[in-house]
Amino acid sequence: MPNIKSAEKRVRIIEKKTLINKSVKSKISTFEKKFKLAVANKDINVASVAYNDVASLLDKAACDNIIHQNCADRKKAHFAKMLDDLKKESK
């Protein structure tokens, strides 16, 4: 337990930020699952919309330092490749 008033405040702030970060990461995970499900079902329209949503969330999270920028870029590239492969299969 912190003994100093400023340390107590930091603990409270960290707890709030942890909850916010958890909710953002959970939201990203949910949208990733929706995208992967659309790719598995070979639904190009739903997959492209889901890709835009997840890419947007990843960019916002990287800007807020919730996840690292390289992690966001890597995931977006992976999902873009999945979407491109799906488009090539359908042609």
PDB file of N, CA and C in Angstrom:
ATOM      1  N   MET A   1       0.836  -1.184   0.000  1.00  0.00           N
ATOM      2  CA  MET A   1       0.000   0.000   0.000  1.00  0.00           C
ATOM      3  C   MET A   1       0.882   1.248   0.000  1.00  0.00           C
ATOM      4  N   PRO A   2       0.509   2.220  -0.816  1.00  0.00           N
ATOM      5  CA  PRO A   2       1.300   3.449  -0.849  1.00  0.00           C
ATOM      6  C   PRO A   2       1.078   4.289   0.410  1.00  0.00           C
ATOM      7  N   ASN A   3       2.135   4.933   0.843  1.00  0.00           N
ATOM      8  CA  ASN A   3       2.070   5.771   2.037  1.00  0.00           C
ATOM      9  C   ASN A   3       1.939   7.250   1.702  1.00  0.00           C
ATOM     10  N   ILE A   4       2.255   7.612   0.480  1.00  0.00           N
ATOM     11  CA  ILE A   4       2.267   9.002   0.065  1.00  0.00           C
ATOM     12  C   ILE A   4       0.992   9.295  -0.726  1.00  0.00           C
ATOM     13  N   LYS A   5       0.468  10.504  -0.544  1.00  0.00           N
ATOM     14  CA  LYS A   5      -0.803  10.878  -1.160  1.00  0.00           C
ATOM     15  C   LYS A   5      -0.737  10.789  -2.687  1.00  0.00           C
ATOM     16  N   SER A   6       0.354  11.246  -3.286  1.00  0.00           N
ATOM     17  CA  SER A   6       0.479  11.210  -4.744  1.00  0.00           C
ATOM     18  C   SER A   6       0.565   9.771  -5.256  1.00  0.00           C
ATOM     19  N   ALA A   7       1.174   8.889  -4.466  1.00  0.00           N
ATOM     20  CA  ALA A   7       1.262   7.480  -4.849  1.00  0.00           C
ATOM     21  C   ALA A   7      -0.116   6.829  -4.804  1.00  0.00           C
ATOM     22  N   GLU A   8      -0.928   7.233  -3.809  1.00  0.00           N
ATOM     23  CA  GLU A   8      -2.298   6.715  -3.744  1.00  0.00           C
ATOM     24  C   GLU A   8      -3.088   7.147  -4.965  1.00  0.00           C
ATOM     25  N   LYS A   9      -2.897   8.398  -5.378  1.00  0.00           N
ATOM     26  CA  LYS A   9      -3.592   8.908  -6.559  1.00  0.00           C
ATOM     27  C   LYS A   9      -3.145   8.153  -7.812  1.00  0.00           C
ATOM     28  N   ARG A  10      -1.857   7.895  -7.934  1.00  0.00           N
ATOM     29  CA  ARG A  10      -1.349   7.150  -9.087  1.00  0.00           C
ATOM     30  C   ARG A  10      -1.983   5.753  -9.152  1.00  0.00           C
ATOM     31  N   VAL A  11      -2.159   5.119  -8.019  1.00  0.00           N
ATOM     32  CA  VAL A  11      -2.789   3.794  -7.980  1.00  0.00           C
ATOM     33  C   VAL A  11      -4.212   3.882  -8.520  1.00  0.00           C
ATOM     34  N   ARG A  12      -4.949   4.910  -8.093  1.00  0.00           N
ATOM     35  CA  ARG A  12      -6.324   5.082  -8.571  1.00  0.00           C
ATOM     36  C   ARG A  12      -6.353   5.341 -10.076  1.00  0.00           C
ATOM     37  N   ILE A  13      -5.446   6.168 -10.545  1.00  0.00           N
ATOM     38  CA  ILE A  13      -5.393   6.482 -11.975  1.00  0.00           C
ATOM     39  C   ILE A  13      -5.042   5.249 -12.788  1.00  0.00           C
ATOM     40  N   ILE A  14      -4.083   4.475 -12.314  1.00  0.00           N
ATOM     41  CA  ILE A  14      -3.668   3.262 -13.024  1.00  0.00           C
ATOM     42  C   ILE A  14      -4.823   2.269 -13.106  1.00  0.00           C
ATOM     43  N   GLU A  15      -5.602   2.156 -12.026  1.00  0.00           N
ATOM     44  CA  GLU A  15      -6.755   1.243 -12.054  1.00  0.00           C
ATOM     45  C   GLU A  15      -7.765   1.677 -13.109  1.00  0.00           C
ATOM     46  N   LYS A  16      -8.030   2.980 -13.213  1.00  0.00           N
ATOM     47  CA  LYS A  16      -8.963   3.481 -14.226  1.00  0.00           C
ATOM     48  C   LYS A  16      -8.446   3.224 -15.633  1.00  0.00           C
ATOM     49  N   LYS A  17      -7.170   3.524 -15.848  1.00  0.00           N
ATOM     50  CA  LYS A  17      -6.576   3.335 -17.175  1.00  0.00           C
ATOM     51  C   LYS A  17      -6.548   1.855 -17.558  1.00  0.00           C
ATOM     52  N   THR A  18      -6.320   0.996 -16.572  1.00  0.00           N
ATOM     53  CA  THR A  18      -6.299  -0.441 -16.834  1.00  0.00           C
ATOM     54  C   THR A  18      -7.662  -0.907 -17.331  1.00  0.00           C
ATOM     55  N   LEU A  19      -8.728  -0.412 -16.721  1.00  0.00           N
ATOM     56  CA  LEU A  19     -10.073  -0.784 -17.160  1.00  0.00           C
ATOM     57  C   LEU A  19     -10.351  -0.298 -18.581  1.00  0.00           C
ATOM     58  N   ILE A  20      -9.939   0.923 -18.884  1.00  0.00           N
ATOM     59  CA  ILE A  20     -10.141   1.471 -20.225  1.00  0.00           C
ATOM     60  C   ILE A  20      -9.363   0.647 -21.247  1.00  0.00           C
ATOM     61  N   ASN A  21      -8.102   0.358 -20.942  1.00  0.00           N
ATOM     62  CA  ASN A  21      -7.267  -0.415 -21.863  1.00  0.00           C
ATOM     63  C   ASN A  21      -7.834  -1.813 -22.075  1.00  0.00           C
ATOM     64  N   LYS A  22      -8.338  -2.436 -21.011  1.00  0.00           N
ATOM     65  CA  LYS A  22      -8.927  -3.769 -21.138  1.00  0.00           C
ATOM     66  C   LYS A  22     -10.139  -3.738 -22.060  1.00  0.00           C
ATOM     67  N   SER A  23     -10.974  -2.709 -21.903  1.00  0.00           N
ATOM     68  CA  SER A  23     -12.183  -2.639 -22.727  1.00  0.00           C
ATOM     69  C   SER A  23     -11.827  -2.423 -24.197  1.00  0.00           C
ATOM     70  N   VAL A  24     -10.809  -1.607 -24.475  1.00  0.00           N
ATOM     71  CA  VAL A  24     -10.402  -1.378 -25.862  1.00  0.00           C
ATOM     72  C   VAL A  24      -9.830  -2.652 -26.464  1.00  0.00           C
ATOM     73  N   LYS A  25      -8.987  -3.355 -25.707  1.00  0.00           N
ATOM     74  CA  LYS A  25      -8.403  -4.601 -26.209  1.00  0.00           C
ATOM     75  C   LYS A  25      -9.480  -5.653 -26.433  1.00  0.00           C
ATOM     76  N   SER A  26     -10.479  -5.689 -25.566  1.00  0.00           N
ATOM     77  CA  SER A  26     -11.580  -6.626 -25.718  1.00  0.00           C
ATOM     78  C   SER A  26     -12.379  -6.306 -26.975  1.00  0.00           C
ATOM     79  N   LYS A  27     -12.595  -5.027 -27.223  1.00  0.00           N
ATOM     80  CA  LYS A  27     -13.334  -4.608 -28.419  1.00  0.00           C
ATOM     81  C   LYS A  27     -12.568  -4.995 -29.674  1.00  0.00           C
ATOM     82  N   ILE A  28     -11.255  -4.803 -29.659  1.00  0.00           N
ATOM     83  CA  ILE A  28     -10.422  -5.193 -30.796  1.00  0.00           C
ATOM     84  C   ILE A  28     -10.532  -6.692 -31.030  1.00  0.00           C
ATOM     85  N   SER A  29     -10.466  -7.458 -29.963  1.00  0.00           N
ATOM     86  CA  SER A  29     -10.554  -8.914 -30.059  1.00  0.00           C
ATOM     87  C   SER A  29     -11.890  -9.341 -30.655  1.00  0.00           C
ATOM     88  N   THR A  30     -12.964  -8.682 -30.243  1.00  0.00           N
ATOM     89  CA  THR A  30     -14.290  -9.004 -30.756  1.00  0.00           C
ATOM     90  C   THR A  30     -14.366  -8.744 -32.257  1.00  0.00           C
ATOM     91  N   PHE A  31     -13.846  -7.596 -32.703  1.00  0.00           N
ATOM     92  CA  PHE A  31     -13.895  -7.267 -34.122  1.00  0.00           C
ATOM     93  C   PHE A  31     -12.974  -8.172 -34.936  1.00  0.00           C
ATOM     94  N   GLU A  32     -11.860  -8.603 -34.343  1.00  0.00           N
ATOM     95  CA  GLU A  32     -10.990  -9.567 -35.026  1.00  0.00           C
ATOM     96  C   GLU A  32     -11.729 -10.874 -35.257  1.00  0.00           C
ATOM     97  N   LYS A  33     -12.477 -11.315 -34.253  1.00  0.00           N
ATOM     98  CA  LYS A  33     -13.240 -12.559 -34.389  1.00  0.00           C
ATOM     99  C   LYS A  33     -14.300 -12.428 -35.468  1.00  0.00           C
ATOM    100  N   LYS A  34     -14.974 -11.270 -35.527  1.00  0.00           N
ATOM    101  CA  LYS A  34     -15.983 -11.045 -36.567  1.00  0.00           C
ATOM    102  C   LYS A  34     -15.356 -11.096 -37.951  1.00  0.00           C
ATOM    103  N   PHE A  35     -14.172 -10.493 -38.091  1.00  0.00           N
ATOM    104  CA  PHE A  35     -13.484 -10.507 -39.377  1.00  0.00           C
ATOM    105  C   PHE A  35     -13.095 -11.921 -39.774  1.00  0.00           C
ATOM    106  N   LYS A  36     -12.507 -12.654 -38.844  1.00  0.00           N
ATOM    107  CA  LYS A  36     -12.073 -14.016 -39.145  1.00  0.00           C
ATOM    108  C   LYS A  36     -13.260 -14.927 -39.465  1.00  0.00           C
ATOM    109  N   LEU A  37     -14.386 -14.704 -38.798  1.00  0.00           N
ATOM    110  CA  LEU A  37     -15.588 -15.479 -39.086  1.00  0.00           C
ATOM    111  C   LEU A  37     -16.097 -15.178 -40.489  1.00  0.00           C
ATOM    112  N   ALA A  38     -16.070 -13.914 -40.889  1.00  0.00           N
ATOM    113  CA  ALA A  38     -16.510 -13.541 -42.233  1.00  0.00           C
ATOM    114  C   ALA A  38     -15.592 -14.151 -43.285  1.00  0.00           C
ATOM    115  N   VAL A  39     -14.291 -14.193 -43.006  1.00  0.00           N
ATOM    116  CA  VAL A  39     -13.346 -14.805 -43.946  1.00  0.00           C
ATOM    117  C   VAL A  39     -13.590 -16.308 -44.024  1.00  0.00           C
ATOM    118  N   ALA A  40     -13.850 -16.923 -42.875  1.00  0.00           N
ATOM    119  CA  ALA A  40     -14.103 -18.364 -42.862  1.00  0.00           C
ATOM    120  C   ALA A  40     -15.371 -18.707 -43.633  1.00  0.00           C
ATOM    121  N   ASN A  41     -16.373 -17.817 -43.570  1.00  0.00           N
ATOM    122  CA  ASN A  41     -17.620 -18.031 -44.297  1.00  0.00           C
ATOM    123  C   ASN A  41     -17.546 -17.578 -45.751  1.00  0.00           C
ATOM    124  N   LYS A  42     -16.390 -17.032 -46.130  1.00  0.00           N
ATOM    125  CA  LYS A  42     -16.126 -16.567 -47.494  1.00  0.00           C
ATOM    126  C   LYS A  42     -17.122 -15.488 -47.934  1.00  0.00           C
ATOM    127  N   ASP A  43     -17.449 -14.605 -47.019  1.00  0.00           N
ATOM    128  CA  ASP A  43     -18.349 -13.485 -47.303  1.00  0.00           C
ATOM    129  C   ASP A  43     -17.499 -12.225 -47.479  1.00  0.00           C
ATOM    130  N   ILE A  44     -17.277 -11.832 -48.736  1.00  0.00           N
ATOM    131  CA  ILE A  44     -16.345 -10.748 -49.035  1.00  0.00           C
ATOM    132  C   ILE A  44     -16.865  -9.402 -48.534  1.00  0.00           C
ATOM    133  N   ASN A  45     -18.156  -9.140 -48.725  1.00  0.00           N
ATOM    134  CA  ASN A  45     -18.701  -7.840 -48.323  1.00  0.00           C
ATOM    135  C   ASN A  45     -18.594  -7.625 -46.820  1.00  0.00           C
ATOM    136  N   VAL A  46     -18.996  -8.616 -46.058  1.00  0.00           N
ATOM    137  CA  VAL A  46     -18.930  -8.509 -44.597  1.00  0.00           C
ATOM    138  C   VAL A  46     -17.474  -8.436 -44.140  1.00  0.00           C
ATOM    139  N   ALA A  47     -16.610  -9.206 -44.785  1.00  0.00           N
ATOM    140  CA  ALA A  47     -15.199  -9.223 -44.407  1.00  0.00           C
ATOM    141  C   ALA A  47     -14.539  -7.873 -44.671  1.00  0.00           C
ATOM    142  N   SER A  48     -14.864  -7.239 -45.785  1.00  0.00           N
ATOM    143  CA  SER A  48     -14.241  -5.949 -46.082  1.00  0.00           C
ATOM    144  C   SER A  48     -14.710  -4.868 -45.105  1.00  0.00           C
ATOM    145  N   VAL A  49     -15.988  -4.905 -44.730  1.00  0.00           N
ATOM    146  CA  VAL A  49     -16.484  -3.952 -43.737  1.00  0.00           C
ATOM    147  C   VAL A  49     -15.838  -4.228 -42.380  1.00  0.00           C
ATOM    148  N   ALA A  50     -15.735  -5.491 -42.022  1.00  0.00           N
ATOM    149  CA  ALA A  50     -15.121  -5.867 -40.742  1.00  0.00           C
ATOM    150  C   ALA A  50     -13.638  -5.495 -40.731  1.00  0.00           C
ATOM    151  N   TYR A  51     -12.974  -5.627 -41.883  1.00  0.00           N
ATOM    152  CA  TYR A  51     -11.559  -5.239 -41.952  1.00  0.00           C
ATOM    153  C   TYR A  51     -11.400  -3.747 -41.692  1.00  0.00           C
ATOM    154  N   ASN A  52     -12.260  -2.931 -42.296  1.00  0.00           N
ATOM    155  CA  ASN A  52     -12.181  -1.484 -42.082  1.00  0.00           C
ATOM    156  C   ASN A  52     -12.389  -1.137 -40.608  1.00  0.00           C
ATOM    157  N   ASP A  53     -13.335  -1.824 -39.974  1.00  0.00           N
ATOM    158  CA  ASP A  53     -13.610  -1.568 -38.558  1.00  0.00           C
ATOM    159  C   ASP A  53     -12.420  -1.941 -37.682  1.00  0.00           C
ATOM    160  N   VAL A  54     -11.864  -3.127 -37.909  1.00  0.00           N
ATOM    161  CA  VAL A  54     -10.770  -3.588 -37.062  1.00  0.00           C
ATOM    162  C   VAL A  54      -9.504  -2.764 -37.323  1.00  0.00           C
ATOM    163  N   ALA A  55      -9.276  -2.361 -38.562  1.00  0.00           N
ATOM    164  CA  ALA A  55      -8.110  -1.535 -38.867  1.00  0.00           C
ATOM    165  C   ALA A  55      -8.221  -0.179 -38.182  1.00  0.00           C
ATOM    166  N   SER A  56      -9.413   0.365 -38.180  1.00  0.00           N
ATOM    167  CA  SER A  56      -9.641   1.644 -37.511  1.00  0.00           C
ATOM    168  C   SER A  56      -9.400   1.525 -36.010  1.00  0.00           C
ATOM    169  N   LEU A  57      -9.920   0.474 -35.407  1.00  0.00           N
ATOM    170  CA  LEU A  57      -9.720   0.268 -33.967  1.00  0.00           C
ATOM    171  C   LEU A  57      -8.247   0.075 -33.629  1.00  0.00           C
ATOM    172  N   LEU A  58      -7.540  -0.676 -34.464  1.00  0.00           N
ATOM    173  CA  LEU A  58      -6.117  -0.905 -34.215  1.00  0.00           C
ATOM    174  C   LEU A  58      -5.331   0.404 -34.305  1.00  0.00           C
ATOM    175  N   ASP A  59      -5.655   1.230 -35.296  1.00  0.00           N
ATOM    176  CA  ASP A  59      -4.962   2.510 -35.435  1.00  0.00           C
ATOM    177  C   ASP A  59      -5.218   3.414 -34.229  1.00  0.00           C
ATOM    178  N   LYS A  60      -6.467   3.467 -33.790  1.00  0.00           N
ATOM    179  CA  LYS A  60      -6.803   4.305 -32.640  1.00  0.00           C
ATOM    180  C   LYS A  60      -6.099   3.811 -31.378  1.00  0.00           C
ATOM    181  N   ALA A  61      -6.056   2.505 -31.194  1.00  0.00           N
ATOM    182  CA  ALA A  61      -5.395   1.943 -30.020  1.00  0.00           C
ATOM    183  C   ALA A  61      -3.896   2.213 -30.059  1.00  0.00           C
ATOM    184  N   ALA A  62      -3.309   2.157 -31.253  1.00  0.00           N
ATOM    185  CA  ALA A  62      -1.879   2.433 -31.373  1.00  0.00           C
ATOM    186  C   ALA A  62      -1.589   3.906 -31.107  1.00  0.00           C
ATOM    187  N   CYS A  63      -2.468   4.785 -31.547  1.00  0.00           N
ATOM    188  CA  CYS A  63      -2.279   6.222 -31.285  1.00  0.00           C
ATOM    189  C   CYS A  63      -2.367   6.519 -29.795  1.00  0.00           C
ATOM    190  N   ASP A  64      -3.208   5.801 -29.086  1.00  0.00           N
ATOM    191  CA  ASP A  64      -3.372   6.019 -27.647  1.00  0.00           C
ATOM    192  C   ASP A  64      -2.382   5.196 -26.819  1.00  0.00           C
ATOM    193  N   ASN A  65      -1.441   4.529 -27.472  1.00  0.00           N
ATOM    194  CA  ASN A  65      -0.431   3.699 -26.803  1.00  0.00           C
ATOM    195  C   ASN A  65      -1.037   2.567 -25.986  1.00  0.00           C
ATOM    196  N   ILE A  66      -2.174   2.076 -26.422  1.00  0.00           N
ATOM    197  CA  ILE A  66      -2.764   0.911 -25.769  1.00  0.00           C
ATOM    198  C   ILE A  66      -2.071  -0.350 -26.283  1.00  0.00           C
ATOM    199  N   ILE A  67      -1.804  -0.364 -27.589  1.00  0.00           N
ATOM    200  CA  ILE A  67      -0.977  -1.418 -28.176  1.00  0.00           C
ATOM    201  C   ILE A  67       0.155  -0.739 -28.944  1.00  0.00           C
ATOM    202  N   HIS A  68       1.194  -1.479 -29.232  1.00  0.00           N
ATOM    203  CA  HIS A  68       2.330  -0.913 -29.941  1.00  0.00           C
ATOM    204  C   HIS A  68       1.984  -0.730 -31.420  1.00  0.00           C
ATOM    205  N   GLN A  69       2.561   0.290 -32.032  1.00  0.00           N
ATOM    206  CA  GLN A  69       2.288   0.583 -33.441  1.00  0.00           C
ATOM    207  C   GLN A  69       2.675  -0.589 -34.338  1.00  0.00           C
ATOM    208  N   ASN A  70       3.789  -1.251 -34.046  1.00  0.00           N
ATOM    209  CA  ASN A  70       4.213  -2.388 -34.863  1.00  0.00           C
ATOM    210  C   ASN A  70       3.207  -3.535 -34.768  1.00  0.00           C
ATOM    211  N   CYS A  71       2.638  -3.734 -33.594  1.00  0.00           N
ATOM    212  CA  CYS A  71       1.634  -4.781 -33.406  1.00  0.00           C
ATOM    213  C   CYS A  71       0.410  -4.472 -34.257  1.00  0.00           C
ATOM    214  N   ALA A  72      -0.027  -3.224 -34.244  1.00  0.00           N
ATOM    215  CA  ALA A  72      -1.191  -2.829 -35.037  1.00  0.00           C
ATOM    216  C   ALA A  72      -0.903  -3.013 -36.521  1.00  0.00           C
ATOM    217  N   ASP A  73       0.270  -2.589 -36.971  1.00  0.00           N
ATOM    218  CA  ASP A  73       0.626  -2.716 -38.387  1.00  0.00           C
ATOM    219  C   ASP A  73       0.715  -4.182 -38.802  1.00  0.00           C
ATOM    220  N   ARG A  74       1.286  -5.001 -37.931  1.00  0.00           N
ATOM    221  CA  ARG A  74       1.429  -6.418 -38.244  1.00  0.00           C
ATOM    222  C   ARG A  74       0.070  -7.092 -38.381  1.00  0.00           C
ATOM    223  N   LYS A  75      -0.846  -6.781 -37.457  1.00  0.00           N
ATOM    224  CA  LYS A  75      -2.179  -7.373 -37.519  1.00  0.00           C
ATOM    225  C   LYS A  75      -2.941  -6.896 -38.746  1.00  0.00           C
ATOM    226  N   LYS A  76      -2.827  -5.602 -39.059  1.00  0.00           N
ATOM    227  CA  LYS A  76      -3.520  -5.075 -40.234  1.00  0.00           C
ATOM    228  C   LYS A  76      -2.999  -5.731 -41.508  1.00  0.00           C
ATOM    229  N   ALA A  77      -1.688  -5.925 -41.597  1.00  0.00           N
ATOM    230  CA  ALA A  77      -1.107  -6.571 -42.774  1.00  0.00           C
ATOM    231  C   ALA A  77      -1.587  -8.013 -42.886  1.00  0.00           C
ATOM    232  N   HIS A  78      -1.654  -8.701 -41.762  1.00  0.00           N
ATOM    233  CA  HIS A  78      -2.116 -10.095 -41.753  1.00  0.00           C
ATOM    234  C   HIS A  78      -3.571 -10.183 -42.217  1.00  0.00           C
ATOM    235  N   PHE A  79      -4.408  -9.283 -41.698  1.00  0.00           N
ATOM    236  CA  PHE A  79      -5.818  -9.289 -42.079  1.00  0.00           C
ATOM    237  C   PHE A  79      -6.003  -8.864 -43.531  1.00  0.00           C
ATOM    238  N   ALA A  80      -5.202  -7.914 -44.007  1.00  0.00           N
ATOM    239  CA  ALA A  80      -5.290  -7.479 -45.394  1.00  0.00           C
ATOM    240  C   ALA A  80      -4.933  -8.628 -46.331  1.00  0.00           C
ATOM    241  N   LYS A  81      -3.934  -9.408 -45.948  1.00  0.00           N
ATOM    242  CA  LYS A  81      -3.558 -10.565 -46.767  1.00  0.00           C
ATOM    243  C   LYS A  81      -4.687 -11.592 -46.790  1.00  0.00           C
ATOM    244  N   MET A  82      -5.316 -11.813 -45.638  1.00  0.00           N
ATOM    245  CA  MET A  82      -6.439 -12.746 -45.595  1.00  0.00           C
ATOM    246  C   MET A  82      -7.564 -12.272 -46.509  1.00  0.00           C
ATOM    247  N   LEU A  83      -7.843 -10.973 -46.499  1.00  0.00           N
ATOM    248  CA  LEU A  83      -8.906 -10.415 -47.323  1.00  0.00           C
ATOM    249  C   LEU A  83      -8.552 -10.510 -48.806  1.00  0.00           C
ATOM    250  N   ASP A  84      -7.300 -10.226 -49.143  1.00  0.00           N
ATOM    251  CA  ASP A  84      -6.874 -10.336 -50.544  1.00  0.00           C
ATOM    252  C   ASP A  84      -6.948 -11.768 -51.037  1.00  0.00           C
ATOM    253  N   ASP A  85      -6.535 -12.714 -50.201  1.00  0.00           N
ATOM    254  CA  ASP A  85      -6.614 -14.123 -50.596  1.00  0.00           C
ATOM    255  C   ASP A  85      -8.061 -14.536 -50.818  1.00  0.00           C
ATOM    256  N   LEU A  86      -8.956 -14.032 -49.979  1.00  0.00           N
ATOM    257  CA  LEU A  86     -10.381 -14.340 -50.133  1.00  0.00           C
ATOM    258  C   LEU A  86     -10.912 -13.771 -51.444  1.00  0.00           C
ATOM    259  N   LYS A  87     -10.497 -12.571 -51.789  1.00  0.00           N
ATOM    260  CA  LYS A  87     -10.941 -11.949 -53.049  1.00  0.00           C
ATOM    261  C   LYS A  87     -10.410 -12.713 -54.253  1.00  0.00           C
ATOM    262  N   LYS A  88      -9.164 -13.207 -54.152  1.00  0.00           N
ATOM    263  CA  LYS A  88      -8.569 -13.972 -55.259  1.00  0.00           C
ATOM    264  C   LYS A  88      -9.279 -15.303 -55.435  1.00  0.00           C
ATOM    265  N   GLU A  89      -9.686 -15.927 -54.322  1.00  0.00           N
ATOM    266  CA  GLU A  89     -10.387 -17.219 -54.398  1.00  0.00           C
ATOM    267  C   GLU A  89     -11.726 -17.070 -55.104  1.00  0.00           C
ATOM    268  N   SER A  90     -12.404 -15.962 -54.859  1.00  0.00           N
ATOM    269  CA  SER A  90     -13.754 -15.799 -55.380  1.00  0.00           C
ATOM    270  C   SER A  90     -13.763 -15.517 -56.883  1.00  0.00           C
ATOM    271  N   LYS A  91     -12.628 -15.064 -57.415  1.00  0.00           N
ATOM    272  CA  LYS A  91     -12.586 -14.741 -58.850  1.00  0.00           C
ATOM    273  C   LYS A  91     -12.384 -15.936 -59.709  1.00  0.00           C
TER     274      LYS A  91
END
